[in-house]
Protein backbone atom coordinates (compact mmCIF):
# COMPACT_ATOMS: atom_id res chain seq x y z
CA MET A 1 -108.49 0.26 0.76
CA ILE A 2 -107.19 -2.71 2.64
CA ARG A 3 -107.01 -4.82 -0.48
CA SER A 4 -105.33 -2.10 -2.45
CA CYS A 5 -102.53 -1.77 0.17
CA ALA A 6 -101.70 -5.48 0.34
CA PRO A 7 -99.64 -5.66 -2.81
CA ARG A 8 -97.62 -2.59 -1.77
CA LEU A 9 -96.87 -4.06 1.67
CA ALA A 10 -95.85 -7.29 0.05
CA PHE A 11 -93.43 -5.35 -2.24
CA ILE A 12 -91.99 -3.48 0.75
CA THR A 13 -91.56 -6.74 2.68
CA ILE A 14 -89.78 -8.39 -0.23
CA SER A 15 -87.63 -5.34 -0.78
CA SER A 16 -86.67 -5.25 2.90
CA ALA A 17 -85.81 -8.93 2.86
CA LEU A 18 -83.66 -8.50 -0.18
CA ALA A 19 -81.96 -5.50 1.40
CA PHE A 20 -81.10 -7.47 4.57
CA SER A 21 -79.91 -10.41 2.47
CA GLY A 22 -77.37 -8.17 0.71
CA VAL A 23 -79.08 -8.01 -2.67
CA ALA A 24 -79.30 -4.53 -4.11
CA PHE A 25 -80.92 -3.12 -7.15
CA ALA A 26 -78.64 -0.58 -8.77
CA ALA A 27 -79.32 1.73 -11.59
CA PRO A 28 -77.22 1.11 -14.71
CA LYS A 29 -73.85 2.91 -14.53
CA GLU A 30 -72.84 5.51 -17.00
CA PRO A 31 -69.47 4.93 -18.71
CA ALA A 32 -66.55 6.69 -16.97
CA PRO A 33 -65.14 9.61 -18.85
CA LYS A 34 -61.89 8.82 -20.65
CA GLU A 35 -58.72 10.08 -18.92
CA VAL A 36 -56.81 12.56 -20.93
CA ALA A 37 -53.04 11.86 -20.83
CA PRO A 38 -51.06 14.87 -19.66
CA GLU A 39 -48.91 16.45 -22.22
CA ALA A 40 -45.23 15.35 -21.97
CA ALA A 41 -43.03 17.97 -20.35
CA ALA A 42 -40.60 19.59 -22.69
CA PRO A 43 -37.02 18.34 -22.14
CA GLU A 44 -34.74 20.69 -20.29
CA PRO A 45 -32.25 22.30 -22.63
CA THR A 46 -28.72 20.95 -22.21
CA GLU A 47 -27.29 24.36 -21.50
CA ALA A 48 -29.90 25.11 -18.85
CA ARG A 49 -29.36 21.75 -17.17
CA ALA A 50 -25.59 22.21 -17.13
CA ARG A 51 -26.00 25.64 -15.56
CA ARG A 52 -28.39 24.24 -12.94
CA LEU A 53 -26.01 21.39 -12.01
CA GLN A 54 -23.10 23.83 -11.90
CA ASP A 55 -24.98 26.01 -9.42
CA GLN A 56 -25.79 22.95 -7.28
CA GLY A 57 -22.14 21.93 -7.31
CA ASP A 58 -21.03 25.40 -6.25
CA ARG A 59 -23.49 25.35 -3.35
CA ALA A 60 -22.22 21.92 -2.31
CA MET A 61 -18.66 23.30 -2.25
CA VAL A 62 -19.76 26.17 -0.01
CA ASP A 63 -21.45 23.63 2.28
CA MET A 64 -18.24 21.52 2.31
CA ARG A 65 -20.00 18.60 0.65
CA TYR A 66 -17.07 17.95 -1.63
CA VAL A 67 -18.12 14.46 -2.75
CA ASP A 68 -21.49 15.77 -3.91
CA ALA A 69 -19.85 18.76 -5.57
CA LEU A 70 -17.43 16.56 -7.49
CA ALA A 71 -20.24 14.29 -8.70
CA LEU A 72 -22.24 17.30 -9.92
CA TYR A 73 -19.21 18.81 -11.66
CA GLU A 74 -18.56 15.52 -13.46
CA GLN A 75 -22.17 15.53 -14.73
CA VAL A 76 -21.68 19.06 -16.03
CA ARG A 77 -18.50 17.96 -17.77
CA GLU A 78 -20.40 15.22 -19.60
CA LEU A 79 -22.95 17.80 -20.78
CA ASP A 80 -20.49 20.53 -21.68
CA ALA A 81 -16.95 19.33 -22.26
CA HIS A 82 -15.93 22.75 -23.55
CA ASP A 83 -16.35 24.48 -20.18
CA VAL A 84 -12.72 25.19 -19.34
CA GLY A 85 -13.44 26.73 -15.95
CA LEU A 86 -15.05 23.48 -14.86
CA ASP A 87 -11.62 21.80 -14.80
CA TYR A 88 -10.51 24.23 -12.11
CA SER A 89 -13.62 23.48 -10.02
CA ILE A 90 -12.97 19.75 -10.36
CA ALA A 91 -9.34 20.26 -9.33
CA ARG A 92 -10.38 22.13 -6.19
CA ALA A 93 -12.91 19.45 -5.23
CA HIS A 94 -10.28 16.70 -5.59
CA GLN A 95 -7.80 18.75 -3.59
CA LEU A 96 -10.21 19.25 -0.70
CA LEU A 97 -10.91 15.50 -0.71
CA GLY A 98 -7.19 14.79 -0.40
CA GLU A 99 -7.04 13.26 -3.89
CA PHE A 100 -3.93 15.15 -4.96
CA PRO A 101 -2.96 13.20 -8.12
CA GLU A 102 -6.47 13.65 -9.55
CA ALA A 103 -6.42 17.33 -8.56
CA LEU A 104 -3.10 17.84 -10.34
CA ASP A 105 -4.42 16.14 -13.48
CA ALA A 106 -7.47 18.42 -13.57
CA LEU A 107 -5.41 21.55 -12.89
CA GLU A 108 -2.99 20.68 -15.69
CA ARG A 109 -5.97 20.19 -18.00
CA PHE A 110 -7.21 23.64 -17.04
CA ASP A 111 -3.75 25.13 -17.61
CA ARG A 112 -3.56 23.63 -21.12
CA ARG A 113 -6.99 24.78 -22.23
CA ALA A 114 -7.53 28.09 -20.47
CA SER A 115 -6.67 31.42 -22.04
CA ASN A 116 -4.39 33.91 -20.35
CA GLU A 117 -7.43 35.99 -19.42
CA GLN A 118 -9.06 32.96 -17.75
CA LYS A 119 -5.87 32.09 -15.89
CA ALA A 120 -5.60 35.68 -14.68
CA THR A 121 -8.95 35.31 -12.91
CA ILE A 122 -7.51 32.46 -10.80
CA GLY A 123 -5.58 33.72 -7.83
CA ARG A 124 -2.33 32.02 -6.80
CA LEU A 125 -2.39 29.48 -9.64
CA LYS A 126 1.36 28.88 -9.49
CA GLN A 127 1.20 28.38 -5.74
CA LEU A 128 -1.58 25.82 -6.17
CA PHE A 129 0.52 23.94 -8.72
CA SER A 130 3.49 23.93 -6.35
CA GLU A 131 1.42 22.65 -3.44
CA LEU A 132 -0.13 19.82 -5.44
CA ARG A 133 3.16 18.70 -6.96
CA SER A 134 4.73 18.54 -3.51
CA ARG A 135 2.09 16.02 -2.48
CA VAL A 136 2.32 13.77 -5.54
CA SER A 137 4.82 11.05 -6.43
CA VAL A 138 5.34 9.02 -9.62
CA LEU A 139 5.74 5.23 -9.53
CA HIS A 140 7.73 3.40 -12.20
CA LEU A 141 7.03 -0.29 -11.59
CA ARG A 142 8.59 -3.08 -13.61
CA CYS A 143 7.31 -6.62 -13.19
CA ASN A 144 8.31 -9.87 -14.88
CA GLN A 145 4.65 -10.84 -15.39
CA ALA A 146 1.94 -8.94 -17.29
CA GLY A 147 -1.64 -8.72 -16.03
CA ALA A 148 -0.80 -8.69 -12.33
CA ARG A 149 -3.09 -6.57 -10.15
CA VAL A 150 -1.33 -3.71 -8.35
CA LEU A 151 -2.67 -2.29 -5.09
CA VAL A 152 -1.31 0.72 -3.19
CA ARG A 153 -2.75 1.42 0.25
CA ASP A 154 -5.32 -1.37 -0.39
CA LYS A 155 -6.61 0.42 -3.50
CA VAL A 156 -6.30 -1.09 -6.98
CA ILE A 157 -4.38 1.31 -9.22
CA GLY A 158 -4.13 -0.91 -12.30
CA THR A 159 -2.47 -3.99 -13.76
CA THR A 160 1.05 -4.59 -14.97
CA PRO A 161 2.57 -3.06 -16.94
CA LEU A 162 1.55 0.19 -15.28
CA PRO A 163 1.77 3.45 -17.23
CA SER A 164 5.09 5.16 -16.65
CA SER A 165 3.29 8.26 -15.42
CA THR A 166 1.35 6.57 -12.61
CA ARG A 167 0.76 9.29 -10.02
CA LEU A 168 0.15 8.51 -6.36
CA PRO A 169 -0.06 10.46 -3.11
CA ALA A 170 3.42 10.86 -1.64
CA GLY A 171 4.40 9.20 1.63
CA PHE A 172 4.59 5.77 3.20
CA ALA A 173 2.52 3.05 1.53
CA THR A 174 2.05 -0.69 1.24
CA LEU A 175 2.40 -2.05 -2.29
CA GLN A 176 0.90 -5.40 -3.27
CA VAL A 177 1.18 -7.26 -6.58
CA GLU A 178 -1.09 -10.28 -7.16
CA LEU A 179 -1.49 -12.75 -10.03
CA GLU A 180 -3.25 -16.10 -10.22
CA GLY A 181 -0.79 -18.99 -9.98
CA PHE A 182 1.96 -16.84 -8.43
CA PHE A 183 2.92 -15.92 -4.90
CA PRO A 184 1.85 -12.34 -4.09
CA VAL A 185 4.52 -9.77 -3.35
CA THR A 186 4.13 -7.15 -0.62
CA ARG A 187 6.51 -4.25 -0.09
CA GLU A 188 6.58 -1.31 2.31
CA ILE A 189 7.61 1.68 0.20
CA VAL A 190 8.14 5.41 0.52
CA LEU A 191 6.81 7.48 -2.39
CA PRO A 192 9.01 10.60 -2.58
CA ALA A 193 7.21 13.96 -2.59
CA GLY A 194 7.59 15.53 -6.01
CA GLY A 195 9.86 12.66 -7.09
CA VAL A 196 9.92 9.27 -8.80
CA LEU A 197 10.19 5.79 -7.28
CA GLU A 198 11.80 3.13 -9.50
CA LEU A 199 10.81 -0.39 -8.43
CA GLU A 200 11.30 -3.84 -9.95
CA LEU A 201 9.48 -6.93 -8.69
CA GLN A 202 9.72 -10.59 -9.58
CA LEU A 203 6.66 -12.82 -9.23
CA GLN A 204 7.48 -16.49 -8.59
CA ALA A 205 5.26 -19.33 -9.80
CA ARG A 206 3.73 -21.45 -7.05
CA SER A 207 4.55 -24.61 -9.03
CA ARG A 208 8.29 -24.02 -8.57
CA SER A 209 8.62 -21.89 -5.44
CA SER A 210 7.75 -21.62 -1.77
CA LEU A 211 6.91 -18.70 0.52
CA LEU A 212 9.16 -18.48 3.56
CA LEU A 213 8.03 -16.44 6.59
CA VAL A 214 10.71 -15.85 9.22
CA GLN A 215 10.16 -14.56 12.74
CA THR A 216 12.81 -14.13 15.40
CA LYS A 217 12.78 -14.05 19.18
CA PRO A 218 13.34 -11.28 19.98
CA GLU A 219 12.15 -9.29 16.98
CA GLY A 220 14.25 -6.82 15.06
CA ALA A 221 16.93 -9.19 13.78
CA THR A 222 18.33 -8.98 10.26
CA VAL A 223 17.41 -12.15 8.36
CA PHE A 224 19.45 -13.81 5.61
CA VAL A 225 18.52 -16.73 3.38
CA ASP A 226 21.52 -18.38 1.73
CA ASP A 227 23.58 -15.25 2.54
CA ARG A 228 20.97 -13.02 0.86
CA ARG A 229 19.50 -10.33 3.09
CA ILE A 230 15.70 -10.48 2.98
CA GLY A 231 14.80 -7.89 5.61
CA THR A 232 14.16 -7.35 9.29
CA SER A 233 11.90 -9.47 11.46
CA SER A 234 9.62 -6.62 12.54
CA PRO A 235 7.38 -8.48 12.95
CA ARG A 236 8.55 -10.90 10.25
CA ALA A 237 10.57 -11.13 7.07
CA GLU A 238 9.26 -12.99 4.04
CA LEU A 239 10.70 -14.17 0.76
CA VAL A 240 9.62 -16.36 -2.13
CA VAL A 241 12.45 -18.79 -2.83
CA PRO A 242 12.88 -21.81 -5.11
CA ALA A 243 11.80 -25.10 -3.60
CA GLY A 244 14.60 -27.11 -2.00
CA SER A 245 17.14 -26.77 0.81
CA HIS A 246 18.13 -23.39 2.22
CA ARG A 247 19.86 -21.94 5.28
CA VAL A 248 18.30 -19.17 7.35
CA THR A 249 20.50 -16.89 9.45
CA ALA A 250 19.47 -14.20 11.95
CA ILE A 251 21.77 -11.49 13.30
CA ARG A 252 21.05 -8.89 15.96
CA GLU A 253 23.40 -6.70 17.95
CA GLY A 254 23.84 -7.96 21.47
CA TYR A 255 22.88 -11.54 20.52
CA ASP A 256 24.74 -14.53 19.17
CA GLN A 257 24.19 -15.28 15.50
CA ALA A 258 21.66 -18.06 14.92
CA SER A 259 21.47 -20.24 11.84
CA MET A 260 19.34 -23.23 10.85
CA PRO A 261 18.59 -25.27 7.71
CA VAL A 262 15.13 -25.54 6.12
CA VAL A 263 13.69 -27.65 3.31
CA LEU A 264 10.84 -26.09 1.30
CA GLN A 265 8.30 -27.79 -0.94
CA ALA A 266 6.92 -26.19 -4.10
CA GLY A 267 3.66 -24.31 -3.62
CA SER A 268 3.91 -24.33 0.19
CA THR A 269 4.08 -21.56 2.77
CA ARG A 270 6.55 -22.23 5.58
CA ALA A 271 6.63 -20.22 8.82
CA LEU A 272 9.89 -20.38 10.74
CA THR A 273 10.89 -18.96 14.13
CA VAL A 274 14.56 -18.42 14.97
CA SER A 275 15.50 -17.90 18.64
CA LEU A 276 18.50 -15.73 19.50
CA GLU A 277 20.53 -15.97 22.71
CA ARG A 278 21.96 -12.87 24.32
CA SER A 279 25.71 -12.60 23.89
CA THR A 280 27.88 -13.21 26.99
CA PRO A 281 30.59 -10.56 27.54
CA ILE A 282 34.05 -11.98 26.87
CA SER A 283 35.27 -10.96 30.33
CA SER A 284 32.63 -13.15 32.00
CA ARG A 285 33.52 -16.39 30.26
CA TRP A 286 35.57 -19.02 32.20
CA TRP A 287 38.04 -19.67 29.43
CA PHE A 288 38.88 -15.96 29.25
CA TRP A 289 40.14 -15.90 32.84
CA THR A 290 41.87 -19.26 32.46
CA THR A 291 43.75 -18.05 29.40
CA ALA A 292 44.45 -14.72 31.02
CA GLY A 293 45.89 -16.48 34.09
CA VAL A 294 48.20 -18.59 31.97
CA LEU A 295 49.35 -15.53 30.05
CA VAL A 296 49.96 -13.57 33.24
CA ALA A 297 51.93 -16.44 34.79
CA GLY A 298 53.95 -16.91 31.64
CA GLY A 299 54.66 -13.21 31.41
CA ALA A 300 55.86 -13.08 35.00
CA ALA A 301 58.23 -16.00 34.45
CA LEU A 302 59.61 -14.43 31.29
CA THR A 303 60.16 -11.16 33.11
CA ALA A 304 62.00 -12.92 35.91
CA VAL A 305 64.28 -14.65 33.44
CA LEU A 306 65.09 -11.46 31.64
CA LEU A 307 65.82 -9.57 34.83
CA THR A 308 67.97 -12.28 36.52
CA GLU A 309 71.64 -11.28 36.44
CA ARG A 310 73.96 -14.06 35.22
CA SER A 311 77.78 -14.44 35.32
CA PRO A 312 79.48 -14.56 31.95
CA GLY A 313 80.01 -18.14 30.80
CA SER A 314 83.17 -19.60 29.30
CA GLY A 315 83.20 -20.58 25.61
CA SER A 316 84.69 -23.66 23.99
CA LEU A 317 86.98 -21.78 21.63
CA HIS A 318 90.23 -20.36 22.89
CA PRO A 319 91.74 -17.17 21.57
CA GLY A 320 93.92 -17.63 18.53
CA GLN A 321 92.38 -20.93 17.43
CA VAL A 322 90.13 -19.45 14.71
CA ARG A 323 91.73 -17.85 11.71
CA ALA A 324 89.88 -16.36 8.71
CA PRO A 325 91.08 -14.25 5.81
CA LEU A 326 90.08 -10.64 5.73
CA THR A 327 88.14 -9.88 2.54
CA LEU A 328 87.37 -6.35 1.42
CA SER A 329 84.77 -5.67 -1.24
CA PHE A 330 84.52 -2.39 -3.17
């Protein structure tokens, strides 16, 4: 019995040693079953997707998420360009975002395409047109250079020449026109509500011109360059002028006129400050009282002469010494 157990103990000992040493005896693995690829989902029909996106856009409008609503409506428009009612939804989303020119464009598109029955379902359509048109202005911009970038309220609206029907929100705005190799032009403009603004700008090449920036102390003076009014120094007036010699003049009520020469180099930007001195009232100047005193003294002397009574003087001709014929003319 002892001898018959020895080989088994030896096998157990070896097996234990191998187990502790990290060696394992594993049974052969069976091949993994092949994965079956899922069947591709059927594409959503275009009509169903458009309807789903339309519903999402309507919910976004109710939740006042107008940006999301507009994005969803635009997706629907790409899927179904024949949906006339969608133009009205797009117009309303633009209106609530304060994008009145875009809202007016969409509403006009709806008005052109919709039937009378569809228009009848829209309440106060004429009133909506009137409200949008009162908030929109048209800019007619003429520029001597093509390809210049045009910005209104720091937003690029296109390049020159702009379309004649360029619509913009009415009100005060800053207009900028920029082109490589030319001095930029900036203008403060007022876009009339429901009207048209005609504007012509000249871009000057840097190779032949200079940018002049004029400030005055105090501010608010009217600035002239070579007798040409360029604006008010609030806070500064600026003008692109040909390189060379020029004269800058500043005028403000209550101050003496100030004028000074300036020489400008091509391609440069020159900042100039003109100081104004407050006007002295004429009655407080020394020469006024000196002149007034002389005039008063002279007037008193003249009055005394005129009022002094004199005796009649004797002439040098005696009566009867001068004879002249009497001539009558008819």
